[in-house]
Amino acid sequence: MRAFDSETLALLASGRMVTAALIQFDFGTGTYGFWSGAGRLEFAGLTYLGAGGLIGIEDVTAVGSLESASLTLTLTAIANTALTPDTLAGIEAEHYHGRPVTLRRAYTHPETRALVAVERLWRGYVSQITHDETIGGEAVLAVTCESRGRDVTRKGYRVWSVADQLRIDAADGGLRHAAVAGRQTAFWGRAPGSAS
């Protein structure tokens, strides 16, 4: 849970705080950042390009069963904006499948427009990118993303054993009894065969 100072809490309570959405794509050859405001926004060493209403974000849903949930982001290209057709072509040319995507919410002061806080809302992976282009009109990228819940069901080579744990840390013997713990018989109360 994020802790805000009293001025920020008062602005939030009054409904005057200005919020904006931030999208960050981490591809192998570079990172792209867009936000729903105008101009450029600097945060954590990345410049987010202002795309205003040219970006669309589906409602973020959480799944209690830890399974993967998907959402779609739309990026609309218009010449002479941060989202030019060349920018979208650059994104589509990346090796994007399985690469991280992060959604954040930025809070800015209503008078000074200073960045007050940024909170992470959602993290996931890019699954698929499709494009819809109108000749002589706009081009739209639809980015389908999966939440990090897919990591829970992914099968890998790691097992719950002392040998595997020692690969991580040679001094960690925390799993030394894991192989036999499920086969041990525990007696509660008096041991069998003891005199009454």
N, C-alpha and C. Protein backbone atom coordinates (compact mmCIF):
# COMPACT_ATOMS: atom_id res chain seq x y z
N MET A 1 0.85 -1.18 0.00
CA MET A 1 0.00 0.00 0.00
C MET A 1 0.89 1.24 0.00
N ARG A 2 0.54 2.22 -0.83
CA ARG A 2 1.34 3.42 -0.97
C ARG A 2 0.95 4.43 0.10
N ALA A 3 1.96 5.09 0.68
CA ALA A 3 1.72 6.13 1.69
C ALA A 3 1.91 7.49 1.03
N PHE A 4 0.90 8.34 1.09
CA PHE A 4 0.97 9.69 0.54
C PHE A 4 1.06 10.70 1.68
N ASP A 5 1.67 11.86 1.39
CA ASP A 5 1.71 12.91 2.40
C ASP A 5 0.35 13.59 2.50
N SER A 6 0.18 14.45 3.50
CA SER A 6 -1.14 15.04 3.78
C SER A 6 -1.65 15.90 2.63
N GLU A 7 -0.75 16.64 1.94
CA GLU A 7 -1.19 17.47 0.82
C GLU A 7 -1.71 16.61 -0.33
N THR A 8 -1.00 15.52 -0.61
CA THR A 8 -1.43 14.61 -1.67
C THR A 8 -2.76 13.96 -1.32
N LEU A 9 -2.91 13.55 -0.06
CA LEU A 9 -4.17 12.94 0.37
C LEU A 9 -5.33 13.93 0.24
N ALA A 10 -5.08 15.20 0.58
CA ALA A 10 -6.13 16.22 0.46
C ALA A 10 -6.51 16.43 -1.00
N LEU A 11 -5.54 16.45 -1.90
CA LEU A 11 -5.84 16.60 -3.33
C LEU A 11 -6.61 15.40 -3.87
N LEU A 12 -6.22 14.21 -3.43
CA LEU A 12 -6.95 13.01 -3.85
C LEU A 12 -8.38 13.03 -3.34
N ALA A 13 -8.56 13.42 -2.07
CA ALA A 13 -9.90 13.46 -1.49
C ALA A 13 -10.79 14.49 -2.17
N SER A 14 -10.20 15.60 -2.60
CA SER A 14 -10.98 16.64 -3.25
C SER A 14 -11.27 16.34 -4.71
N GLY A 15 -10.60 15.33 -5.26
CA GLY A 15 -10.80 14.98 -6.66
C GLY A 15 -10.06 15.89 -7.62
N ARG A 16 -9.13 16.69 -7.11
CA ARG A 16 -8.42 17.64 -7.96
C ARG A 16 -7.12 17.08 -8.53
N MET A 17 -6.64 15.97 -7.98
CA MET A 17 -5.38 15.40 -8.46
C MET A 17 -5.55 14.96 -9.91
N VAL A 18 -4.57 15.26 -10.75
CA VAL A 18 -4.60 14.88 -12.15
C VAL A 18 -3.89 13.54 -12.30
N THR A 19 -4.55 12.58 -12.94
CA THR A 19 -3.95 11.27 -13.14
C THR A 19 -3.73 11.02 -14.62
N ALA A 20 -2.76 10.20 -14.91
CA ALA A 20 -2.46 9.82 -16.29
C ALA A 20 -1.96 8.39 -16.31
N ALA A 21 -2.13 7.73 -17.44
CA ALA A 21 -1.67 6.35 -17.60
C ALA A 21 -0.31 6.34 -18.26
N LEU A 22 0.56 5.43 -17.80
CA LEU A 22 1.89 5.23 -18.39
C LEU A 22 2.00 3.79 -18.87
N ILE A 23 2.53 3.61 -20.07
CA ILE A 23 2.78 2.28 -20.62
C ILE A 23 4.26 2.17 -20.91
N GLN A 24 4.87 1.10 -20.45
CA GLN A 24 6.29 0.86 -20.70
C GLN A 24 6.46 -0.52 -21.33
N PHE A 25 7.07 -0.55 -22.52
CA PHE A 25 7.40 -1.79 -23.21
C PHE A 25 8.91 -2.00 -23.10
N ASP A 26 9.35 -3.15 -22.59
CA ASP A 26 10.77 -3.48 -22.49
C ASP A 26 11.10 -4.53 -23.53
N PHE A 27 11.62 -4.07 -24.67
CA PHE A 27 11.99 -4.98 -25.73
C PHE A 27 13.49 -5.23 -25.68
N GLY A 28 13.95 -6.23 -26.40
CA GLY A 28 15.35 -6.60 -26.37
C GLY A 28 16.28 -5.49 -26.82
N THR A 29 15.85 -4.68 -27.77
CA THR A 29 16.73 -3.64 -28.31
C THR A 29 16.42 -2.25 -27.77
N GLY A 30 15.44 -2.12 -26.92
CA GLY A 30 15.14 -0.81 -26.37
C GLY A 30 13.84 -0.80 -25.58
N THR A 31 13.61 0.32 -24.93
CA THR A 31 12.42 0.49 -24.11
C THR A 31 11.59 1.63 -24.67
N TYR A 32 10.29 1.41 -24.81
CA TYR A 32 9.36 2.42 -25.28
C TYR A 32 8.47 2.84 -24.13
N GLY A 33 8.26 4.13 -23.96
CA GLY A 33 7.37 4.63 -22.93
C GLY A 33 6.39 5.64 -23.51
N PHE A 34 5.11 5.46 -23.21
CA PHE A 34 4.06 6.38 -23.65
C PHE A 34 3.20 6.73 -22.45
N TRP A 35 2.64 7.93 -22.47
CA TRP A 35 1.71 8.30 -21.40
C TRP A 35 0.54 9.05 -21.99
N SER A 36 -0.56 9.13 -21.24
CA SER A 36 -1.81 9.69 -21.74
C SER A 36 -1.88 11.20 -21.59
N GLY A 37 -0.76 11.85 -21.34
CA GLY A 37 -0.72 13.30 -21.26
C GLY A 37 -0.11 13.88 -22.52
N ALA A 38 0.28 15.16 -22.43
CA ALA A 38 0.89 15.84 -23.56
C ALA A 38 2.35 16.13 -23.26
N GLY A 39 3.18 16.15 -24.28
CA GLY A 39 4.60 16.44 -24.10
C GLY A 39 5.35 15.22 -23.60
N ARG A 40 6.47 15.49 -22.95
CA ARG A 40 7.32 14.41 -22.45
C ARG A 40 7.24 14.35 -20.92
N LEU A 41 7.32 13.14 -20.41
CA LEU A 41 7.33 12.92 -18.96
C LEU A 41 8.53 12.06 -18.62
N GLU A 42 9.38 12.53 -17.71
CA GLU A 42 10.56 11.78 -17.28
C GLU A 42 10.22 11.05 -15.99
N PHE A 43 10.46 9.74 -16.00
CA PHE A 43 10.27 8.95 -14.78
C PHE A 43 11.22 7.76 -14.80
N ALA A 44 11.96 7.59 -13.73
CA ALA A 44 12.87 6.46 -13.52
C ALA A 44 13.82 6.26 -14.70
N GLY A 45 14.33 7.36 -15.23
CA GLY A 45 15.31 7.29 -16.30
C GLY A 45 14.76 7.03 -17.68
N LEU A 46 13.44 7.01 -17.83
CA LEU A 46 12.82 6.78 -19.13
C LEU A 46 11.98 7.99 -19.50
N THR A 47 12.05 8.40 -20.76
CA THR A 47 11.22 9.48 -21.27
C THR A 47 9.96 8.88 -21.87
N TYR A 48 8.82 9.24 -21.29
CA TYR A 48 7.53 8.80 -21.80
C TYR A 48 7.02 9.85 -22.77
N LEU A 49 6.66 9.42 -23.98
CA LEU A 49 6.14 10.34 -24.99
C LEU A 49 4.64 10.51 -24.79
N GLY A 50 4.19 11.76 -24.79
CA GLY A 50 2.78 12.05 -24.59
C GLY A 50 1.96 11.67 -25.81
N ALA A 51 1.00 10.80 -25.61
CA ALA A 51 0.16 10.33 -26.71
C ALA A 51 -1.30 10.67 -26.50
N GLY A 52 -1.64 11.29 -25.36
CA GLY A 52 -3.02 11.71 -25.11
C GLY A 52 -4.01 10.58 -25.31
N GLY A 53 -5.06 10.87 -26.07
CA GLY A 53 -6.12 9.89 -26.32
C GLY A 53 -5.78 8.89 -27.40
N LEU A 54 -4.53 8.89 -27.88
CA LEU A 54 -4.14 7.94 -28.92
C LEU A 54 -3.82 6.56 -28.35
N ILE A 55 -3.75 6.46 -27.02
CA ILE A 55 -3.55 5.14 -26.40
C ILE A 55 -4.83 4.74 -25.68
N GLY A 56 -5.13 3.47 -25.75
CA GLY A 56 -6.30 2.93 -25.07
C GLY A 56 -5.91 1.72 -24.24
N ILE A 57 -6.47 1.62 -23.05
CA ILE A 57 -6.15 0.52 -22.15
C ILE A 57 -7.45 -0.11 -21.68
N GLU A 58 -7.59 -1.41 -21.91
CA GLU A 58 -8.76 -2.12 -21.40
C GLU A 58 -8.74 -2.11 -19.89
N ASP A 59 -9.88 -2.34 -19.28
CA ASP A 59 -9.93 -2.42 -17.83
C ASP A 59 -9.03 -3.55 -17.33
N VAL A 60 -8.27 -3.24 -16.31
CA VAL A 60 -7.36 -4.22 -15.71
C VAL A 60 -8.17 -5.09 -14.76
N THR A 61 -8.07 -6.40 -14.94
CA THR A 61 -8.80 -7.32 -14.07
C THR A 61 -7.81 -8.18 -13.31
N ALA A 62 -8.20 -8.59 -12.13
CA ALA A 62 -7.40 -9.49 -11.31
C ALA A 62 -8.14 -10.82 -11.19
N VAL A 63 -7.40 -11.91 -11.25
CA VAL A 63 -8.00 -13.23 -11.18
C VAL A 63 -7.54 -13.88 -9.88
N GLY A 64 -8.49 -14.30 -9.07
CA GLY A 64 -8.17 -14.87 -7.77
C GLY A 64 -7.49 -16.23 -7.84
N SER A 65 -7.66 -16.94 -8.94
CA SER A 65 -7.09 -18.28 -9.05
C SER A 65 -5.64 -18.26 -9.52
N LEU A 66 -5.05 -17.08 -9.67
CA LEU A 66 -3.67 -16.89 -10.10
C LEU A 66 -3.43 -17.26 -11.56
N GLU A 67 -4.50 -17.57 -12.31
CA GLU A 67 -4.29 -17.85 -13.72
C GLU A 67 -4.06 -16.54 -14.47
N SER A 68 -3.54 -16.66 -15.66
CA SER A 68 -3.19 -15.48 -16.44
C SER A 68 -4.46 -14.77 -16.93
N ALA A 69 -4.45 -13.45 -16.82
CA ALA A 69 -5.54 -12.63 -17.36
C ALA A 69 -4.96 -11.77 -18.47
N SER A 70 -5.73 -11.55 -19.51
CA SER A 70 -5.20 -10.77 -20.63
C SER A 70 -5.90 -9.43 -20.72
N LEU A 71 -5.22 -8.50 -21.36
CA LEU A 71 -5.81 -7.20 -21.66
C LEU A 71 -5.22 -6.72 -22.97
N THR A 72 -5.89 -5.77 -23.60
CA THR A 72 -5.45 -5.25 -24.88
C THR A 72 -5.18 -3.76 -24.77
N LEU A 73 -4.03 -3.36 -25.28
CA LEU A 73 -3.66 -1.95 -25.38
C LEU A 73 -3.76 -1.56 -26.84
N THR A 74 -4.29 -0.37 -27.12
CA THR A 74 -4.33 0.10 -28.50
C THR A 74 -3.52 1.38 -28.63
N LEU A 75 -2.73 1.44 -29.68
CA LEU A 75 -1.91 2.60 -29.99
C LEU A 75 -2.30 3.06 -31.39
N THR A 76 -2.78 4.28 -31.49
CA THR A 76 -3.24 4.83 -32.76
C THR A 76 -2.21 5.81 -33.29
N ALA A 77 -1.78 5.61 -34.52
CA ALA A 77 -0.75 6.47 -35.11
C ALA A 77 -1.41 7.61 -35.89
N ILE A 78 -0.90 8.80 -35.64
CA ILE A 78 -1.29 9.99 -36.39
C ILE A 78 -0.01 10.78 -36.65
N ALA A 79 0.16 11.22 -37.87
CA ALA A 79 1.37 11.97 -38.22
C ALA A 79 1.48 13.21 -37.34
N ASN A 80 2.72 13.65 -37.08
CA ASN A 80 3.04 14.83 -36.28
C ASN A 80 2.61 14.72 -34.82
N THR A 81 2.56 13.49 -34.31
CA THR A 81 2.31 13.26 -32.89
C THR A 81 3.42 12.35 -32.38
N ALA A 82 3.38 12.02 -31.08
CA ALA A 82 4.37 11.08 -30.54
C ALA A 82 4.20 9.68 -31.11
N LEU A 83 3.00 9.37 -31.53
CA LEU A 83 2.72 8.05 -32.10
C LEU A 83 2.60 8.17 -33.62
N THR A 84 3.72 8.32 -34.27
CA THR A 84 3.72 8.39 -35.73
C THR A 84 3.64 6.97 -36.29
N PRO A 85 3.28 6.83 -37.56
CA PRO A 85 3.31 5.49 -38.16
C PRO A 85 4.68 4.82 -38.07
N ASP A 86 5.76 5.62 -38.15
CA ASP A 86 7.11 5.05 -38.03
C ASP A 86 7.36 4.49 -36.63
N THR A 87 6.83 5.16 -35.60
CA THR A 87 6.98 4.67 -34.23
C THR A 87 6.29 3.32 -34.07
N LEU A 88 5.08 3.22 -34.59
CA LEU A 88 4.35 1.95 -34.50
C LEU A 88 5.05 0.86 -35.30
N ALA A 89 5.59 1.23 -36.46
CA ALA A 89 6.33 0.24 -37.26
C ALA A 89 7.56 -0.24 -36.50
N GLY A 90 8.20 0.67 -35.76
CA GLY A 90 9.36 0.28 -34.96
C GLY A 90 8.99 -0.71 -33.87
N ILE A 91 7.84 -0.49 -33.23
CA ILE A 91 7.37 -1.41 -32.19
C ILE A 91 7.06 -2.77 -32.79
N GLU A 92 6.38 -2.76 -33.93
CA GLU A 92 5.98 -4.03 -34.55
C GLU A 92 7.19 -4.80 -35.07
N ALA A 93 8.28 -4.11 -35.39
CA ALA A 93 9.48 -4.77 -35.90
C ALA A 93 10.32 -5.39 -34.79
N GLU A 94 10.02 -5.06 -33.54
CA GLU A 94 10.78 -5.59 -32.40
C GLU A 94 10.47 -7.08 -32.19
N HIS A 95 11.37 -7.75 -31.49
CA HIS A 95 11.07 -9.10 -31.02
C HIS A 95 10.25 -8.93 -29.74
N TYR A 96 8.95 -8.87 -29.89
CA TYR A 96 8.08 -8.44 -28.80
C TYR A 96 7.46 -9.59 -28.02
N HIS A 97 7.34 -10.77 -28.61
CA HIS A 97 6.61 -11.85 -27.95
C HIS A 97 7.29 -12.24 -26.63
N GLY A 98 6.53 -12.22 -25.55
CA GLY A 98 7.03 -12.60 -24.24
C GLY A 98 7.84 -11.51 -23.55
N ARG A 99 7.91 -10.33 -24.13
CA ARG A 99 8.67 -9.24 -23.52
C ARG A 99 7.81 -8.50 -22.50
N PRO A 100 8.42 -7.95 -21.45
CA PRO A 100 7.66 -7.31 -20.37
C PRO A 100 6.95 -6.02 -20.79
N VAL A 101 5.77 -5.82 -20.22
CA VAL A 101 5.02 -4.57 -20.35
C VAL A 101 4.52 -4.19 -18.97
N THR A 102 4.59 -2.90 -18.64
CA THR A 102 4.19 -2.41 -17.32
C THR A 102 3.24 -1.24 -17.49
N LEU A 103 2.15 -1.25 -16.74
CA LEU A 103 1.21 -0.13 -16.71
C LEU A 103 1.34 0.57 -15.37
N ARG A 104 1.40 1.89 -15.41
CA ARG A 104 1.49 2.69 -14.19
C ARG A 104 0.47 3.81 -14.23
N ARG A 105 0.20 4.37 -13.06
CA ARG A 105 -0.63 5.57 -12.95
C ARG A 105 0.23 6.67 -12.36
N ALA A 106 0.24 7.82 -13.04
CA ALA A 106 0.99 8.97 -12.57
C ALA A 106 0.03 9.97 -11.95
N TYR A 107 0.42 10.57 -10.84
CA TYR A 107 -0.34 11.61 -10.18
C TYR A 107 0.43 12.92 -10.33
N THR A 108 -0.22 13.94 -10.87
CA THR A 108 0.42 15.24 -11.03
C THR A 108 -0.39 16.31 -10.31
N HIS A 109 0.32 17.31 -9.82
CA HIS A 109 -0.31 18.40 -9.07
C HIS A 109 -1.18 19.22 -10.02
N PRO A 110 -2.42 19.58 -9.61
CA PRO A 110 -3.33 20.28 -10.53
C PRO A 110 -2.86 21.68 -10.92
N GLU A 111 -2.12 22.38 -10.06
CA GLU A 111 -1.67 23.72 -10.41
C GLU A 111 -0.27 23.72 -11.04
N THR A 112 0.66 23.03 -10.41
CA THR A 112 2.05 23.09 -10.87
C THR A 112 2.36 22.07 -11.96
N ARG A 113 1.52 21.06 -12.12
CA ARG A 113 1.73 19.96 -13.05
C ARG A 113 2.98 19.14 -12.70
N ALA A 114 3.49 19.31 -11.49
CA ALA A 114 4.65 18.55 -11.04
C ALA A 114 4.22 17.11 -10.76
N LEU A 115 5.11 16.18 -11.06
CA LEU A 115 4.84 14.77 -10.80
C LEU A 115 4.90 14.52 -9.30
N VAL A 116 3.79 14.06 -8.73
CA VAL A 116 3.70 13.83 -7.29
C VAL A 116 4.08 12.38 -6.94
N ALA A 117 3.53 11.44 -7.67
CA ALA A 117 3.79 10.03 -7.39
C ALA A 117 3.44 9.20 -8.61
N VAL A 118 4.03 8.01 -8.67
CA VAL A 118 3.72 7.04 -9.73
C VAL A 118 3.55 5.69 -9.05
N GLU A 119 2.47 5.00 -9.39
CA GLU A 119 2.26 3.66 -8.83
C GLU A 119 2.09 2.65 -9.95
N ARG A 120 2.65 1.46 -9.72
CA ARG A 120 2.52 0.39 -10.70
C ARG A 120 1.15 -0.26 -10.53
N LEU A 121 0.44 -0.43 -11.66
CA LEU A 121 -0.88 -1.04 -11.63
C LEU A 121 -0.88 -2.49 -12.10
N TRP A 122 -0.04 -2.78 -13.09
CA TRP A 122 -0.13 -4.09 -13.75
C TRP A 122 1.18 -4.40 -14.43
N ARG A 123 1.59 -5.66 -14.38
CA ARG A 123 2.76 -6.11 -15.13
C ARG A 123 2.40 -7.39 -15.86
N GLY A 124 2.96 -7.52 -17.04
CA GLY A 124 2.68 -8.72 -17.82
C GLY A 124 3.66 -8.85 -18.97
N TYR A 125 3.22 -9.59 -19.98
CA TYR A 125 4.06 -9.86 -21.13
C TYR A 125 3.26 -9.62 -22.41
N VAL A 126 3.96 -9.16 -23.45
CA VAL A 126 3.31 -8.97 -24.75
C VAL A 126 3.13 -10.35 -25.37
N SER A 127 1.90 -10.63 -25.77
CA SER A 127 1.60 -11.92 -26.38
C SER A 127 1.53 -11.81 -27.90
N GLN A 128 0.82 -10.80 -28.37
CA GLN A 128 0.58 -10.68 -29.81
C GLN A 128 0.35 -9.22 -30.17
N ILE A 129 0.79 -8.84 -31.35
CA ILE A 129 0.52 -7.50 -31.87
C ILE A 129 -0.11 -7.64 -33.24
N THR A 130 -1.27 -7.01 -33.40
CA THR A 130 -1.92 -6.98 -34.71
C THR A 130 -2.08 -5.52 -35.11
N HIS A 131 -2.17 -5.29 -36.39
CA HIS A 131 -2.35 -3.91 -36.84
C HIS A 131 -3.52 -3.80 -37.79
N ASP A 132 -4.13 -2.64 -37.75
CA ASP A 132 -5.25 -2.33 -38.63
C ASP A 132 -4.93 -0.97 -39.26
N GLU A 133 -4.76 -0.97 -40.55
CA GLU A 133 -4.34 0.25 -41.23
C GLU A 133 -5.35 0.63 -42.29
N THR A 134 -5.74 1.90 -42.28
CA THR A 134 -6.64 2.44 -43.28
C THR A 134 -5.80 3.24 -44.27
N ILE A 135 -5.93 2.95 -45.55
CA ILE A 135 -5.15 3.66 -46.57
C ILE A 135 -5.52 5.14 -46.53
N GLY A 136 -4.49 5.96 -46.36
CA GLY A 136 -4.71 7.40 -46.27
C GLY A 136 -5.28 7.84 -44.93
N GLY A 137 -5.41 6.90 -43.98
CA GLY A 137 -5.98 7.24 -42.67
C GLY A 137 -5.07 6.80 -41.55
N GLU A 138 -5.67 6.41 -40.44
CA GLU A 138 -4.89 6.08 -39.26
C GLU A 138 -4.48 4.61 -39.25
N ALA A 139 -3.44 4.34 -38.50
CA ALA A 139 -2.98 2.97 -38.27
C ALA A 139 -3.10 2.69 -36.78
N VAL A 140 -3.59 1.51 -36.43
CA VAL A 140 -3.80 1.14 -35.03
C VAL A 140 -3.09 -0.17 -34.74
N LEU A 141 -2.29 -0.18 -33.68
CA LEU A 141 -1.70 -1.42 -33.18
C LEU A 141 -2.53 -1.89 -31.99
N ALA A 142 -2.92 -3.15 -32.02
CA ALA A 142 -3.59 -3.75 -30.87
C ALA A 142 -2.60 -4.71 -30.23
N VAL A 143 -2.20 -4.41 -29.00
CA VAL A 143 -1.19 -5.19 -28.29
C VAL A 143 -1.91 -6.04 -27.24
N THR A 144 -1.94 -7.34 -27.46
CA THR A 144 -2.55 -8.26 -26.50
C THR A 144 -1.48 -8.69 -25.51
N CYS A 145 -1.79 -8.54 -24.22
CA CYS A 145 -0.83 -8.83 -23.15
C CYS A 145 -1.42 -9.86 -22.19
N GLU A 146 -0.54 -10.65 -21.60
CA GLU A 146 -0.93 -11.60 -20.56
C GLU A 146 -0.31 -11.17 -19.24
N SER A 147 -1.06 -11.37 -18.16
CA SER A 147 -0.54 -11.00 -16.85
C SER A 147 0.56 -11.96 -16.42
N ARG A 148 1.25 -11.60 -15.35
CA ARG A 148 2.33 -12.45 -14.85
C ARG A 148 1.82 -13.71 -14.17
N GLY A 149 0.50 -13.89 -14.12
CA GLY A 149 -0.06 -15.12 -13.58
C GLY A 149 0.37 -16.34 -14.37
N ARG A 150 0.77 -16.12 -15.63
CA ARG A 150 1.22 -17.27 -16.43
C ARG A 150 2.48 -17.89 -15.86
N ASP A 151 3.25 -17.13 -15.08
CA ASP A 151 4.47 -17.67 -14.48
C ASP A 151 4.16 -18.76 -13.45
N VAL A 152 2.97 -18.69 -12.85
CA VAL A 152 2.60 -19.65 -11.81
C VAL A 152 2.42 -21.04 -12.39
N THR A 153 1.91 -21.12 -13.61
CA THR A 153 1.62 -22.42 -14.22
C THR A 153 2.71 -22.90 -15.16
N ARG A 154 3.73 -22.09 -15.36
CA ARG A 154 4.80 -22.47 -16.29
C ARG A 154 5.63 -23.60 -15.68
N LYS A 155 5.91 -24.61 -16.49
CA LYS A 155 6.73 -25.73 -16.04
C LYS A 155 8.19 -25.43 -16.36
N GLY A 156 9.06 -25.80 -15.47
CA GLY A 156 10.48 -25.57 -15.68
C GLY A 156 11.29 -26.76 -15.21
N TYR A 157 12.59 -26.58 -15.18
CA TYR A 157 13.47 -27.68 -14.80
C TYR A 157 13.72 -27.72 -13.30
N ARG A 158 13.28 -26.70 -12.54
CA ARG A 158 13.56 -26.64 -11.11
C ARG A 158 12.66 -27.62 -10.36
N VAL A 159 13.23 -28.25 -9.34
CA VAL A 159 12.48 -29.17 -8.49
C VAL A 159 12.73 -28.81 -7.03
N TRP A 160 11.87 -29.29 -6.17
CA TRP A 160 12.00 -29.02 -4.75
C TRP A 160 12.87 -30.11 -4.14
N SER A 161 14.18 -29.90 -4.16
CA SER A 161 15.10 -30.90 -3.62
C SER A 161 16.31 -30.19 -3.04
N VAL A 162 17.06 -30.92 -2.21
CA VAL A 162 18.25 -30.34 -1.61
C VAL A 162 19.30 -30.06 -2.67
N ALA A 163 19.43 -30.95 -3.67
CA ALA A 163 20.43 -30.75 -4.72
C ALA A 163 20.14 -29.48 -5.52
N ASP A 164 18.87 -29.24 -5.84
CA ASP A 164 18.50 -28.04 -6.59
C ASP A 164 18.71 -26.78 -5.76
N GLN A 165 18.40 -26.86 -4.47
CA GLN A 165 18.59 -25.71 -3.59
C GLN A 165 20.07 -25.38 -3.43
N LEU A 166 20.92 -26.41 -3.40
CA LEU A 166 22.35 -26.18 -3.26
C LEU A 166 22.95 -25.53 -4.50
N ARG A 167 22.28 -25.65 -5.66
CA ARG A 167 22.72 -24.93 -6.86
C ARG A 167 22.58 -23.43 -6.68
N ILE A 168 21.56 -23.02 -5.93
CA ILE A 168 21.32 -21.60 -5.69
C ILE A 168 22.29 -21.08 -4.64
N ASP A 169 22.42 -21.83 -3.54
CA ASP A 169 23.29 -21.41 -2.45
C ASP A 169 23.90 -22.67 -1.82
N ALA A 170 25.21 -22.82 -1.98
CA ALA A 170 25.88 -24.04 -1.52
C ALA A 170 25.82 -24.21 0.00
N ALA A 171 25.52 -23.14 0.74
CA ALA A 171 25.46 -23.23 2.19
C ALA A 171 24.03 -23.41 2.71
N ASP A 172 23.05 -23.49 1.81
CA ASP A 172 21.65 -23.57 2.23
C ASP A 172 21.22 -25.03 2.32
N GLY A 173 21.04 -25.51 3.53
CA GLY A 173 20.59 -26.88 3.73
C GLY A 173 19.13 -26.96 4.13
N GLY A 174 18.36 -25.93 3.80
CA GLY A 174 16.97 -25.85 4.23
C GLY A 174 16.08 -26.97 3.71
N LEU A 175 16.47 -27.61 2.62
CA LEU A 175 15.65 -28.69 2.06
C LEU A 175 16.28 -30.07 2.26
N ARG A 176 17.20 -30.19 3.19
CA ARG A 176 17.91 -31.47 3.35
C ARG A 176 16.99 -32.60 3.78
N HIS A 177 15.84 -32.28 4.37
CA HIS A 177 14.91 -33.33 4.79
C HIS A 177 13.69 -33.43 3.87
N ALA A 178 13.67 -32.68 2.77
CA ALA A 178 12.51 -32.65 1.89
C ALA A 178 12.22 -34.01 1.25
N ALA A 179 13.26 -34.78 0.93
CA ALA A 179 13.06 -36.05 0.25
C ALA A 179 12.36 -37.09 1.12
N VAL A 180 12.54 -37.02 2.43
CA VAL A 180 11.95 -38.04 3.31
C VAL A 180 10.81 -37.52 4.17
N ALA A 181 10.60 -36.22 4.17
CA ALA A 181 9.59 -35.65 5.07
C ALA A 181 8.19 -36.19 4.81
N GLY A 182 7.85 -36.47 3.56
CA GLY A 182 6.52 -36.97 3.24
C GLY A 182 6.31 -38.42 3.59
N ARG A 183 7.37 -39.13 3.87
CA ARG A 183 7.26 -40.57 4.19
C ARG A 183 7.45 -40.87 5.67
N GLN A 184 7.64 -39.87 6.48
CA GLN A 184 7.86 -40.09 7.91
C GLN A 184 6.51 -40.28 8.61
N THR A 185 6.51 -41.15 9.61
CA THR A 185 5.31 -41.36 10.41
C THR A 185 5.48 -40.59 11.72
N ALA A 186 4.52 -39.77 12.02
CA ALA A 186 4.58 -38.98 13.25
C ALA A 186 3.60 -39.57 14.26
N PHE A 187 4.06 -39.80 15.47
CA PHE A 187 3.21 -40.33 16.53
C PHE A 187 2.82 -39.20 17.45
N TRP A 188 1.56 -39.12 17.74
CA TRP A 188 1.05 -38.09 18.65
C TRP A 188 0.67 -38.77 19.96
N GLY A 189 1.06 -38.18 21.05
CA GLY A 189 0.74 -38.79 22.33
C GLY A 189 1.76 -39.86 22.70
N ARG A 190 1.27 -40.99 23.15
CA ARG A 190 2.13 -42.07 23.59
C ARG A 190 2.67 -42.84 22.38
N ALA A 191 3.95 -43.20 22.42
CA ALA A 191 4.53 -43.98 21.33
C ALA A 191 3.93 -45.38 21.34
N PRO A 192 3.73 -45.99 20.16
CA PRO A 192 3.13 -47.33 20.14
C PRO A 192 4.01 -48.35 20.87
N GLY A 193 3.36 -49.25 21.56
CA GLY A 193 4.07 -50.29 22.28
C GLY A 193 4.58 -49.88 23.65
N SER A 194 4.38 -48.61 24.02
CA SER A 194 4.85 -48.19 25.34
C SER A 194 3.87 -48.66 26.40
N ALA A 195 4.37 -48.89 27.61
CA ALA A 195 3.53 -49.39 28.70
C ALA A 195 2.57 -48.32 29.13
N SER A 196 1.35 -48.73 29.51
CA SER A 196 0.37 -47.76 29.96
C SER A 196 0.51 -47.45 31.40
